[in-house]
Amino acid sequence: MTLIAFALVLTGVLLNAAAQLFLKAGTNAIGHFDFALANIIPIGLKVAGQPTIIAGLACYAVSVVVWIMALSRVPVSIAYPMLSIGYVINALIAHYWFGELLVMQKALGIGFIIIGVILVANS
């Protein structure tokens, strides 16, 4: 994998991870809501006006463009497993930003993911 291809894959992964974190921050700001017909407009307006949700959607949009560029250079059998790096990034950042628990079982899973990504990248 060339340096440009790796940079595109990594950028796509980071944008995708950032999108998830922004969406989570946005839903934390909105709070819990029930799925009900009466909620469509009030919750829809809250979601549409939440800056972190808008940022998350923007990250997704840019990540699609970057990902298409990456896939034009890297086999999908290598690029797609790299998305697993996003799990690692999100688990670590969610621990610090949102106070989500990072127990030994998650840490072990993260270790397996990292090993898997290294094996796939070197194949």
Protein backbone atom coordinates (compact mmCIF):
# COMPACT_ATOMS: atom_id res chain seq x y z
CA MET A 1 0.00 0.00 0.00
CA THR A 2 1.43 3.37 -0.99
CA LEU A 3 1.70 6.24 1.46
CA ILE A 4 -1.07 8.14 -0.36
CA ALA A 5 -3.37 5.10 -0.27
CA PHE A 6 -2.68 4.54 3.42
CA ALA A 7 -3.32 8.23 4.15
CA LEU A 8 -6.65 8.06 2.33
CA VAL A 9 -7.72 4.91 4.18
CA LEU A 10 -6.66 6.35 7.53
CA THR A 11 -8.38 9.68 6.81
CA GLY A 12 -11.57 7.85 5.87
CA VAL A 13 -11.41 5.82 9.07
CA LEU A 14 -10.75 8.90 11.22
CA LEU A 15 -13.59 10.85 9.60
CA ASN A 16 -15.94 7.93 10.14
CA ALA A 17 -14.87 7.65 13.79
CA ALA A 18 -15.25 11.41 14.27
CA ALA A 19 -18.74 11.23 12.80
CA GLN A 20 -19.77 8.64 15.39
CA LEU A 21 -18.31 10.71 18.24
CA PHE A 22 -20.04 13.87 17.04
CA LEU A 23 -23.36 12.05 16.69
CA LYS A 24 -23.00 10.66 20.21
CA ALA A 25 -22.20 14.12 21.59
CA GLY A 26 -25.27 15.45 19.78
CA THR A 27 -27.56 12.77 21.16
CA ASN A 28 -26.15 13.40 24.63
CA ALA A 29 -27.08 17.07 24.23
CA ILE A 30 -30.59 16.24 23.01
CA GLY A 31 -31.18 13.55 25.59
CA HIS A 32 -33.29 10.42 25.50
CA PHE A 33 -36.38 10.53 23.35
CA ASP A 34 -39.07 8.05 22.47
CA PHE A 35 -39.88 7.01 18.95
CA ALA A 36 -43.42 8.27 18.56
CA LEU A 37 -45.33 10.03 15.82
CA ALA A 38 -45.77 13.05 18.09
CA ASN A 39 -41.96 13.37 18.41
CA ILE A 40 -41.16 13.57 14.71
CA ILE A 41 -41.28 17.36 14.42
CA PRO A 42 -39.95 18.44 17.85
CA ILE A 43 -37.12 15.89 17.89
CA GLY A 44 -36.45 16.40 14.19
CA LEU A 45 -35.98 20.12 14.81
CA LYS A 46 -33.67 19.43 17.76
CA VAL A 47 -31.59 17.03 15.68
CA ALA A 48 -31.47 19.38 12.69
CA GLY A 49 -30.33 22.26 14.89
CA GLN A 50 -27.75 20.36 16.92
CA PRO A 51 -24.26 21.52 15.79
CA THR A 52 -22.51 18.30 16.77
CA ILE A 53 -24.99 16.19 14.81
CA ILE A 54 -24.50 18.45 11.79
CA ALA A 55 -20.72 18.05 12.23
CA GLY A 56 -21.12 14.28 12.39
CA LEU A 57 -23.15 14.19 9.20
CA ALA A 58 -20.59 16.43 7.49
CA CYS A 59 -17.81 14.05 8.56
CA TYR A 60 -19.78 11.18 7.03
CA ALA A 61 -20.24 13.06 3.76
CA VAL A 62 -16.54 13.89 3.46
CA SER A 63 -15.57 10.36 4.53
CA VAL A 64 -17.56 8.89 1.64
CA VAL A 65 -15.59 10.98 -0.87
CA VAL A 66 -12.28 10.09 0.78
CA TRP A 67 -13.28 6.43 0.99
CA ILE A 68 -14.11 6.29 -2.72
CA MET A 69 -10.66 7.72 -3.44
CA ALA A 70 -9.11 5.11 -1.14
CA LEU A 71 -11.00 2.24 -2.78
CA SER A 72 -9.72 3.36 -6.18
CA ARG A 73 -6.20 2.60 -4.89
CA VAL A 74 -6.57 -0.25 -2.38
CA PRO A 75 -8.29 -3.63 -2.66
CA VAL A 76 -11.53 -3.66 -0.69
CA SER A 77 -10.35 -6.84 1.06
CA ILE A 78 -7.62 -4.74 2.66
CA ALA A 79 -9.35 -1.35 2.97
CA TYR A 80 -12.60 -2.50 4.57
CA PRO A 81 -11.01 -4.32 7.52
CA MET A 82 -9.09 -1.11 8.25
CA LEU A 83 -12.40 0.42 9.33
CA SER A 84 -11.93 -1.66 12.48
CA ILE A 85 -9.40 0.94 13.61
CA GLY A 86 -12.43 3.17 14.13
CA TYR A 87 -13.64 0.84 16.90
CA VAL A 88 -10.35 1.28 18.70
CA ILE A 89 -10.37 5.06 18.33
CA ASN A 90 -14.01 5.38 19.38
CA ALA A 91 -13.62 3.14 22.43
CA LEU A 92 -10.63 5.14 23.68
CA ILE A 93 -12.11 8.58 23.02
CA ALA A 94 -15.54 7.58 24.38
CA HIS A 95 -13.79 6.53 27.58
CA TYR A 96 -12.25 9.98 28.02
CA TRP A 97 -14.98 12.23 26.58
CA PHE A 98 -18.13 10.40 27.60
CA GLY A 99 -16.93 8.42 30.61
CA GLU A 100 -17.75 5.08 28.98
CA LEU A 101 -16.15 2.13 30.72
CA LEU A 102 -13.06 0.54 29.23
CA VAL A 103 -12.98 -2.78 31.03
CA MET A 104 -10.43 -5.55 30.54
CA GLN A 105 -12.70 -7.45 28.14
CA LYS A 106 -12.95 -4.39 25.84
CA ALA A 107 -9.20 -3.81 26.09
CA LEU A 108 -8.57 -7.42 25.08
CA GLY A 109 -10.96 -7.06 22.14
CA ILE A 110 -9.18 -3.87 21.09
CA GLY A 111 -5.88 -5.75 21.19
CA PHE A 112 -7.30 -8.45 18.92
CA ILE A 113 -8.59 -5.81 16.52
CA ILE A 114 -5.17 -4.17 16.33
CA ILE A 115 -3.50 -7.52 15.68
CA GLY A 116 -6.08 -8.31 12.99
CA VAL A 117 -5.61 -4.97 11.25
CA ILE A 118 -1.82 -5.45 11.25
CA LEU A 119 -2.18 -8.94 9.77
CA VAL A 120 -4.57 -7.74 7.06
CA ALA A 121 -2.44 -4.69 6.24
CA ASN A 122 0.64 -6.86 5.81
CA SER A 123 -1.06 -9.47 3.64
